[in-house]
C-alpha atoms as a PDB file:
ATOM      1  CA  MET A   1       0.000   0.000   0.000  1.00  0.00           C
ATOM      2  CA  ALA A   2       2.767   2.469   0.908  1.00  0.00           C
ATOM      3  CA  GLY A   3       4.572   1.792  -2.344  1.00  0.00           C
ATOM      4  CA  SER A   4       1.479   2.304  -4.511  1.00  0.00           C
ATOM      5  CA  GLY A   5       0.603   5.473  -2.603  1.00  0.00           C
ATOM      6  CA  TRP A   6       4.112   6.835  -3.122  1.00  0.00           C
ATOM      7  CA  LEU A   7       3.907   6.035  -6.838  1.00  0.00           C
ATOM      8  CA  ALA A   8       0.628   7.944  -7.021  1.00  0.00           C
ATOM      9  CA  LEU A   9       2.225  10.937  -5.333  1.00  0.00           C
ATOM     10  CA  ARG A  10       5.196  10.920  -7.652  1.00  0.00           C
ATOM     11  CA  THR A  11       3.033  10.789 -10.772  1.00  0.00           C
ATOM     12  CA  MET A  12       0.418  13.376  -9.827  1.00  0.00           C
ATOM     13  CA  PRO A  13       0.193  16.031 -12.544  1.00  0.00           C
ATOM     14  CA  GLY A  14       0.921  19.558 -11.341  1.00  0.00           C
ATOM     15  CA  PRO A  15      -0.231  21.885 -10.086  1.00  0.00           C
ATOM     16  CA  GLY A  16      -1.529  19.171  -7.768  1.00  0.00           C
ATOM     17  CA  TRP A  17       0.015  20.319  -4.509  1.00  0.00           C
ATOM     18  CA  VAL A  18      -2.732  22.608  -3.160  1.00  0.00           C
ATOM     19  CA  ARG A  19      -6.494  22.068  -2.967  1.00  0.00           C
ATOM     20  CA  GLY A  20      -9.156  24.113  -1.233  1.00  0.00           C
ATOM     21  CA  SER A  21     -12.798  24.611  -0.378  1.00  0.00           C
ATOM     22  CA  GLY A  22     -13.360  26.799  -3.424  1.00  0.00           C
ATOM     23  CA  PRO A  23     -11.867  29.188  -5.974  1.00  0.00           C
ATOM     24  CA  ALA A  24     -12.129  32.196  -3.639  1.00  0.00           C
ATOM     25  CA  VAL A  25      -9.901  30.767  -0.913  1.00  0.00           C
ATOM     26  CA  LEU A  26      -7.451  29.433  -3.504  1.00  0.00           C
ATOM     27  CA  ARG A  27      -7.148  32.933  -4.996  1.00  0.00           C
ATOM     28  CA  ARG A  28      -6.914  34.565  -1.583  1.00  0.00           C
ATOM     29  CA  LEU A  29      -4.052  32.333  -0.426  1.00  0.00           C
ATOM     30  CA  ARG A  30      -2.309  31.871  -3.761  1.00  0.00           C
ATOM     31  CA  ASP A  31       0.785  33.737  -2.554  1.00  0.00           C
ATOM     32  CA  ALA A  32       0.253  33.151   1.182  1.00  0.00           C
ATOM     33  CA  ALA A  33       0.286  29.330   1.254  1.00  0.00           C
ATOM     34  CA  VAL A  34       2.852  27.996  -1.196  1.00  0.00           C
ATOM     35  CA  VAL A  35       4.296  24.548  -1.889  1.00  0.00           C
ATOM     36  CA  ARG A  36       7.490  24.114  -3.885  1.00  0.00           C
ATOM     37  CA  PRO A  37       7.886  20.391  -4.631  1.00  0.00           C
ATOM     38  CA  GLY A  38      11.403  19.131  -5.299  1.00  0.00           C
ATOM     39  CA  PHE A  39      13.035  22.113  -3.602  1.00  0.00           C
ATOM     40  CA  LEU A  40      15.737  19.788  -2.271  1.00  0.00           C
ATOM     41  CA  SER A  41      17.663  17.205  -4.214  1.00  0.00           C
ATOM     42  CA  ALA A  42      17.884  13.705  -2.758  1.00  0.00           C
ATOM     43  CA  ALA A  43      21.493  14.430  -1.847  1.00  0.00           C
ATOM     44  CA  GLU A  44      20.524  17.621   0.011  1.00  0.00           C
ATOM     45  CA  GLU A  45      17.792  15.773   1.907  1.00  0.00           C
ATOM     46  CA  GLU A  46      20.369  13.171   2.958  1.00  0.00           C
ATOM     47  CA  THR A  47      22.806  15.925   4.012  1.00  0.00           C
ATOM     48  CA  LEU A  48      20.235  17.384   6.383  1.00  0.00           C
ATOM     49  CA  ARG A  49      19.109  14.000   7.683  1.00  0.00           C
ATOM     50  CA  ARG A  50      22.641  12.848   8.458  1.00  0.00           C
ATOM     51  CA  GLU A  51      23.409  16.092  10.278  1.00  0.00           C
ATOM     52  CA  LEU A  52      20.218  15.980  12.351  1.00  0.00           C
ATOM     53  CA  GLU A  53      20.081  12.282  13.165  1.00  0.00           C
ATOM     54  CA  PRO A  54      22.719  12.131  15.956  1.00  0.00           C
ATOM     55  CA  GLU A  55      21.065  14.977  17.873  1.00  0.00           C
ATOM     56  CA  LEU A  56      17.543  13.618  17.415  1.00  0.00           C
ATOM     57  CA  ARG A  57      18.550  10.127  18.521  1.00  0.00           C
ATOM     58  CA  ARG A  58      19.500  11.521  21.923  1.00  0.00           C
ATOM     59  CA  ARG A  59      15.860  12.499  22.492  1.00  0.00           C
ATOM     60  CA  ARG A  60      12.823  10.339  23.137  1.00  0.00           C
ATOM     61  CA  TYR A  61       9.538  10.763  21.327  1.00  0.00           C
ATOM     62  CA  GLU A  62       7.040  12.659  23.468  1.00  0.00           C
ATOM     63  CA  PHE A  63       3.276  12.425  23.462  1.00  0.00           C
ATOM     64  CA  ASP A  64       2.338  15.770  24.942  1.00  0.00           C
ATOM     65  CA  HIS A  65       3.540  19.289  24.194  1.00  0.00           C
ATOM     66  CA  TRP A  66       3.749  22.469  26.238  1.00  0.00           C
ATOM     67  CA  ASP A  67       0.685  23.843  24.385  1.00  0.00           C
ATOM     68  CA  ALA A  68      -0.871  20.406  23.576  1.00  0.00           C
ATOM     69  CA  ALA A  69      -0.373  20.970  19.842  1.00  0.00           C
ATOM     70  CA  ILE A  70       1.837  17.976  18.946  1.00  0.00           C
ATOM     71  CA  HIS A  71       1.576  14.214  19.556  1.00  0.00           C
ATOM     72  CA  GLY A  72       4.395  11.710  18.975  1.00  0.00           C
ATOM     73  CA  PHE A  73       7.333  14.039  18.429  1.00  0.00           C
ATOM     74  CA  ARG A  74      10.834  15.037  19.366  1.00  0.00           C
ATOM     75  CA  GLU A  75      12.318  18.409  18.575  1.00  0.00           C
ATOM     76  CA  THR A  76      15.286  20.693  18.896  1.00  0.00           C
ATOM     77  CA  GLU A  77      16.373  24.220  18.098  1.00  0.00           C
ATOM     78  CA  LYS A  78      19.557  24.338  16.033  1.00  0.00           C
ATOM     79  CA  SER A  79      21.744  27.325  15.257  1.00  0.00           C
ATOM     80  CA  ARG A  80      25.044  25.673  14.229  1.00  0.00           C
ATOM     81  CA  TRP A  81      25.095  23.963  10.838  1.00  0.00           C
ATOM     82  CA  SER A  82      27.632  22.487   8.478  1.00  0.00           C
ATOM     83  CA  GLU A  83      28.634  24.515   5.457  1.00  0.00           C
ATOM     84  CA  ALA A  84      26.512  22.326   3.159  1.00  0.00           C
ATOM     85  CA  SER A  85      23.416  22.690   5.341  1.00  0.00           C
ATOM     86  CA  ARG A  86      23.925  26.446   5.697  1.00  0.00           C
ATOM     87  CA  ALA A  87      23.861  26.724   1.918  1.00  0.00           C
ATOM     88  CA  ILE A  88      20.498  24.908   1.846  1.00  0.00           C
ATOM     89  CA  LEU A  89      19.059  27.188   4.537  1.00  0.00           C
ATOM     90  CA  GLN A  90      20.261  30.241   2.649  1.00  0.00           C
ATOM     91  CA  ARG A  91      18.256  29.022  -0.349  1.00  0.00           C
ATOM     92  CA  VAL A  92      15.198  28.705   1.901  1.00  0.00           C
ATOM     93  CA  GLN A  93      15.705  32.259   3.114  1.00  0.00           C
ATOM     94  CA  ALA A  94      15.996  33.575  -0.431  1.00  0.00           C
ATOM     95  CA  ALA A  95      12.904  31.678  -1.586  1.00  0.00           C
ATOM     96  CA  ALA A  96      10.575  32.393   1.343  1.00  0.00           C
ATOM     97  CA  PHE A  97      11.552  35.634   3.062  1.00  0.00           C
ATOM     98  CA  GLY A  98      11.688  39.218   1.898  1.00  0.00           C
ATOM     99  CA  PRO A  99      14.908  41.268   1.933  1.00  0.00           C
ATOM    100  CA  GLY A 100      13.676  43.273   4.930  1.00  0.00           C
ATOM    101  CA  GLN A 101      12.790  40.265   7.064  1.00  0.00           C
ATOM    102  CA  THR A 102      15.025  39.088   9.895  1.00  0.00           C
ATOM    103  CA  LEU A 103      14.970  35.387  10.753  1.00  0.00           C
ATOM    104  CA  LEU A 104      15.103  33.853  14.197  1.00  0.00           C
ATOM    105  CA  SER A 105      18.680  32.715  14.756  1.00  0.00           C
ATOM    106  CA  SER A 106      17.653  29.153  15.677  1.00  0.00           C
ATOM    107  CA  VAL A 107      15.991  26.777  13.226  1.00  0.00           C
ATOM    108  CA  HIS A 108      13.231  24.584  14.644  1.00  0.00           C
ATOM    109  CA  VAL A 109      13.643  20.872  13.863  1.00  0.00           C
ATOM    110  CA  LEU A 110      10.566  18.708  14.473  1.00  0.00           C
ATOM    111  CA  ASP A 111      10.653  14.905  14.172  1.00  0.00           C
ATOM    112  CA  LEU A 112       7.243  13.186  14.033  1.00  0.00           C
ATOM    113  CA  GLU A 113       7.072   9.423  14.464  1.00  0.00           C
ATOM    114  CA  PRO A 114       4.834   7.552  11.951  1.00  0.00           C
ATOM    115  CA  ARG A 115       1.821   7.836  14.291  1.00  0.00           C
ATOM    116  CA  GLY A 116       2.639  11.414  15.234  1.00  0.00           C
ATOM    117  CA  TYR A 117       0.593  14.420  14.188  1.00  0.00           C
ATOM    118  CA  ILE A 118       0.171  18.145  14.779  1.00  0.00           C
ATOM    119  CA  LYS A 119      -3.192  19.428  15.982  1.00  0.00           C
ATOM    120  CA  PRO A 120      -4.857  22.552  14.529  1.00  0.00           C
ATOM    121  CA  HIS A 121      -3.249  25.694  15.923  1.00  0.00           C
ATOM    122  CA  VAL A 122      -2.165  29.222  15.064  1.00  0.00           C
ATOM    123  CA  ASP A 123       1.377  30.048  16.136  1.00  0.00           C
ATOM    124  CA  SER A 124       1.531  32.783  18.749  1.00  0.00           C
ATOM    125  CA  ILE A 125       2.717  36.183  17.546  1.00  0.00           C
ATOM    126  CA  LYS A 126       5.049  36.123  20.577  1.00  0.00           C
ATOM    127  CA  PHE A 127       7.137  33.342  19.050  1.00  0.00           C
ATOM    128  CA  CYS A 128       7.331  34.005  15.300  1.00  0.00           C
ATOM    129  CA  GLY A 129       6.566  36.750  12.801  1.00  0.00           C
ATOM    130  CA  THR A 130       4.709  36.947   9.512  1.00  0.00           C
ATOM    131  CA  THR A 131       6.410  34.065   7.661  1.00  0.00           C
ATOM    132  CA  ILE A 132       7.061  30.373   8.364  1.00  0.00           C
ATOM    133  CA  ALA A 133       8.923  28.158   5.896  1.00  0.00           C
ATOM    134  CA  GLY A 134       9.515  24.441   6.316  1.00  0.00           C
ATOM    135  CA  LEU A 135      11.435  21.700   4.535  1.00  0.00           C
ATOM    136  CA  SER A 136       9.843  18.239   4.634  1.00  0.00           C
ATOM    137  CA  LEU A 137      12.115  15.191   4.920  1.00  0.00           C
ATOM    138  CA  LEU A 138      11.538  11.421   4.757  1.00  0.00           C
ATOM    139  CA  SER A 139       7.740  11.063   4.567  1.00  0.00           C
ATOM    140  CA  PRO A 140       4.906  12.676   2.615  1.00  0.00           C
ATOM    141  CA  SER A 141       2.179  14.349   4.652  1.00  0.00           C
ATOM    142  CA  VAL A 142      -0.875  16.564   4.300  1.00  0.00           C
ATOM    143  CA  MET A 143      -1.083  19.982   5.954  1.00  0.00           C
ATOM    144  CA  ARG A 144      -4.603  21.324   6.425  1.00  0.00           C
ATOM    145  CA  LEU A 145      -5.393  25.018   6.949  1.00  0.00           C
ATOM    146  CA  VAL A 146      -8.824  26.077   8.252  1.00  0.00           C
ATOM    147  CA  HIS A 147     -10.051  29.662   8.677  1.00  0.00           C
ATOM    148  CA  THR A 148     -10.407  30.423  12.383  1.00  0.00           C
ATOM    149  CA  GLN A 149     -13.655  32.386  11.911  1.00  0.00           C
ATOM    150  CA  GLU A 150     -15.114  30.640   8.833  1.00  0.00           C
ATOM    151  CA  PRO A 151     -14.408  26.908   9.212  1.00  0.00           C
ATOM    152  CA  GLY A 152     -15.970  26.195   5.827  1.00  0.00           C
ATOM    153  CA  GLU A 153     -12.928  27.878   4.249  1.00  0.00           C
ATOM    154  CA  TRP A 154      -9.999  25.475   4.098  1.00  0.00           C
ATOM    155  CA  LEU A 155      -6.885  24.603   2.161  1.00  0.00           C
ATOM    156  CA  GLU A 156      -4.794  21.433   2.016  1.00  0.00           C
ATOM    157  CA  LEU A 157      -1.127  21.235   1.055  1.00  0.00           C
ATOM    158  CA  LEU A 158       0.480  18.028  -0.194  1.00  0.00           C
ATOM    159  CA  LEU A 159       3.987  17.979   1.288  1.00  0.00           C
ATOM    160  CA  GLU A 160       6.270  15.449  -0.373  1.00  0.00           C
ATOM    161  CA  PRO A 161       9.762  14.725   0.896  1.00  0.00           C
ATOM    162  CA  CYS A 162      12.184  17.384  -0.396  1.00  0.00           C
ATOM    163  CA  SER A 163       9.396  19.967  -0.707  1.00  0.00           C
ATOM    164  CA  LEU A 164       9.327  23.462   0.799  1.00  0.00           C
ATOM    165  CA  TYR A 165       6.144  24.979   2.196  1.00  0.00           C
ATOM    166  CA  ILE A 166       5.668  28.669   2.957  1.00  0.00           C
ATOM    167  CA  LEU A 167       2.938  30.203   5.136  1.00  0.00           C
ATOM    168  CA  ARG A 168       2.760  33.967   5.305  1.00  0.00           C
ATOM    169  CA  ASP A 169       0.353  36.808   6.084  1.00  0.00           C
ATOM    170  CA  SER A 170      -3.290  35.627   6.014  1.00  0.00           C
ATOM    171  CA  ALA A 171      -2.373  31.923   5.846  1.00  0.00           C
ATOM    172  CA  ARG A 172      -0.193  32.348   8.919  1.00  0.00           C
ATOM    173  CA  TYR A 173      -2.526  34.559  11.002  1.00  0.00           C
ATOM    174  CA  ASP A 174      -6.120  33.815   9.914  1.00  0.00           C
ATOM    175  CA  PHE A 175      -5.936  30.041   9.388  1.00  0.00           C
ATOM    176  CA  SER A 176      -5.059  27.259  11.792  1.00  0.00           C
ATOM    177  CA  HIS A 177      -2.726  24.608  10.398  1.00  0.00           C
ATOM    178  CA  GLU A 178      -2.154  20.946  11.228  1.00  0.00           C
ATOM    179  CA  ILE A 179      -0.389  17.825   9.970  1.00  0.00           C
ATOM    180  CA  LEU A 180      -2.921  15.021   9.567  1.00  0.00           C
ATOM    181  CA  ARG A 181      -2.466  11.759  11.457  1.00  0.00           C
ATOM    182  CA  ASP A 182      -1.907   8.650   9.357  1.00  0.00           C
ATOM    183  CA  GLU A 183      -5.502   7.367   9.392  1.00  0.00           C
ATOM    184  CA  GLU A 184      -6.751  10.774   8.172  1.00  0.00           C
ATOM    185  CA  SER A 185      -3.932  11.363   5.703  1.00  0.00           C
ATOM    186  CA  PHE A 186      -5.724  11.860   2.381  1.00  0.00           C
ATOM    187  CA  PHE A 187      -5.288  14.557  -0.253  1.00  0.00           C
ATOM    188  CA  GLY A 188      -8.729  14.492  -1.841  1.00  0.00           C
ATOM    189  CA  GLU A 189      -9.204  10.822  -2.668  1.00  0.00           C
ATOM    190  CA  LEU A 190      -5.466  10.130  -2.717  1.00  0.00           C
ATOM    191  CA  ARG A 191      -4.158   8.162   0.247  1.00  0.00           C
ATOM    192  CA  VAL A 192      -0.945   9.728   1.555  1.00  0.00           C
ATOM    193  CA  PRO A 193       0.666   7.069   3.786  1.00  0.00           C
ATOM    194  CA  ARG A 194       2.542   8.593   6.702  1.00  0.00           C
ATOM    195  CA  GLY A 195       5.945   7.542   7.936  1.00  0.00           C
ATOM    196  CA  ARG A 196       8.495   9.271  10.091  1.00  0.00           C
ATOM    197  CA  ARG A 197       8.634  12.944   9.099  1.00  0.00           C
ATOM    198  CA  ILE A 198      11.311  15.514   9.885  1.00  0.00           C
ATOM    199  CA  SER A 199      10.598  19.183   9.240  1.00  0.00           C
ATOM    200  CA  VAL A 200      13.223  21.925   9.256  1.00  0.00           C
ATOM    201  CA  ILE A 201      11.434  25.194   9.978  1.00  0.00           C
ATOM    202  CA  CYS A 202      12.664  28.759   9.543  1.00  0.00           C
ATOM    203  CA  ARG A 203      10.677  31.635  11.046  1.00  0.00           C
ATOM    204  CA  SER A 204      10.750  35.386  10.745  1.00  0.00           C
ATOM    205  CA  LEU A 205      11.377  37.394  13.883  1.00  0.00           C
ATOM    206  CA  PRO A 206       8.319  38.534  15.889  1.00  0.00           C
ATOM    207  CA  GLU A 207       7.794  42.283  15.903  1.00  0.00           C
ATOM    208  CA  GLY A 208       9.574  44.004  18.756  1.00  0.00           C
ATOM    209  CA  VAL A 209      11.814  41.045  19.620  1.00  0.00           C
ATOM    210  CA  GLY A 210      15.589  41.119  19.338  1.00  0.00           C
ATOM    211  CA  PRO A 211      17.200  38.359  17.250  1.00  0.00           C
ATOM    212  CA  GLU A 212      19.085  36.869  20.203  1.00  0.00           C
ATOM    213  CA  GLU A 213      16.323  37.166  22.807  1.00  0.00           C
ATOM    214  CA  PRO A 214      16.218  33.865  24.743  1.00  0.00           C
ATOM    215  CA  GLY A 215      13.422  31.806  26.172  1.00  0.00           C
ATOM    216  CA  GLN A 216      11.092  31.475  23.195  1.00  0.00           C
ATOM    217  CA  PRO A 217       9.374  28.084  22.989  1.00  0.00           C
ATOM    218  CA  PRO A 218       9.172  26.892  19.377  1.00  0.00           C
ATOM    219  CA  PRO A 219       5.809  26.811  17.611  1.00  0.00           C
ATOM    220  CA  ALA A 220       4.428  23.569  16.186  1.00  0.00           C
ATOM    221  CA  CYS A 221       4.645  23.584  12.414  1.00  0.00           C
END
């Protein structure tokens, strides 16, 4: 089943990475919720995985989170990277963030086990600014966005391994976002089998916060 599902993902005709409740929400979020499939090469994905694996292995998977947003996860904040990984993160910055945006100095790394998931939430404005950008490693997944005031307005993003997603402005502030658990992991009628998923998440600085200010718990993305 996993193999046939992966084949279906790999052969989906583009633009098949975003679907929504209707044309209006798709137009509204066209530039605010973006998926760039194949942003990483397989070699770049392996570079990041190999660098992250030793640090992640030292942590156990947890099944509750400080704000109850994540289930079945381990995470870290990382500010020191190899030269090869820094080059990848610089490409993320160029692709997702404007020239006037300052990024948080630490990158959030979130490792979800195959049964892990992220519940619907909106990241606090205390902990990140207008833009969130994440690289997806190892497993495909589906991210669902739902308007906080109009729950009939929704968007789903198909996140393949090596893809980059970007949430900014209205998609970041007005819509909750979640990563679907395995039994709910469908993109339309397409089954998207979940495995272990690592995300590497860059965030813009919250307004009024200095770039080295300590003590900020990472959001769930």
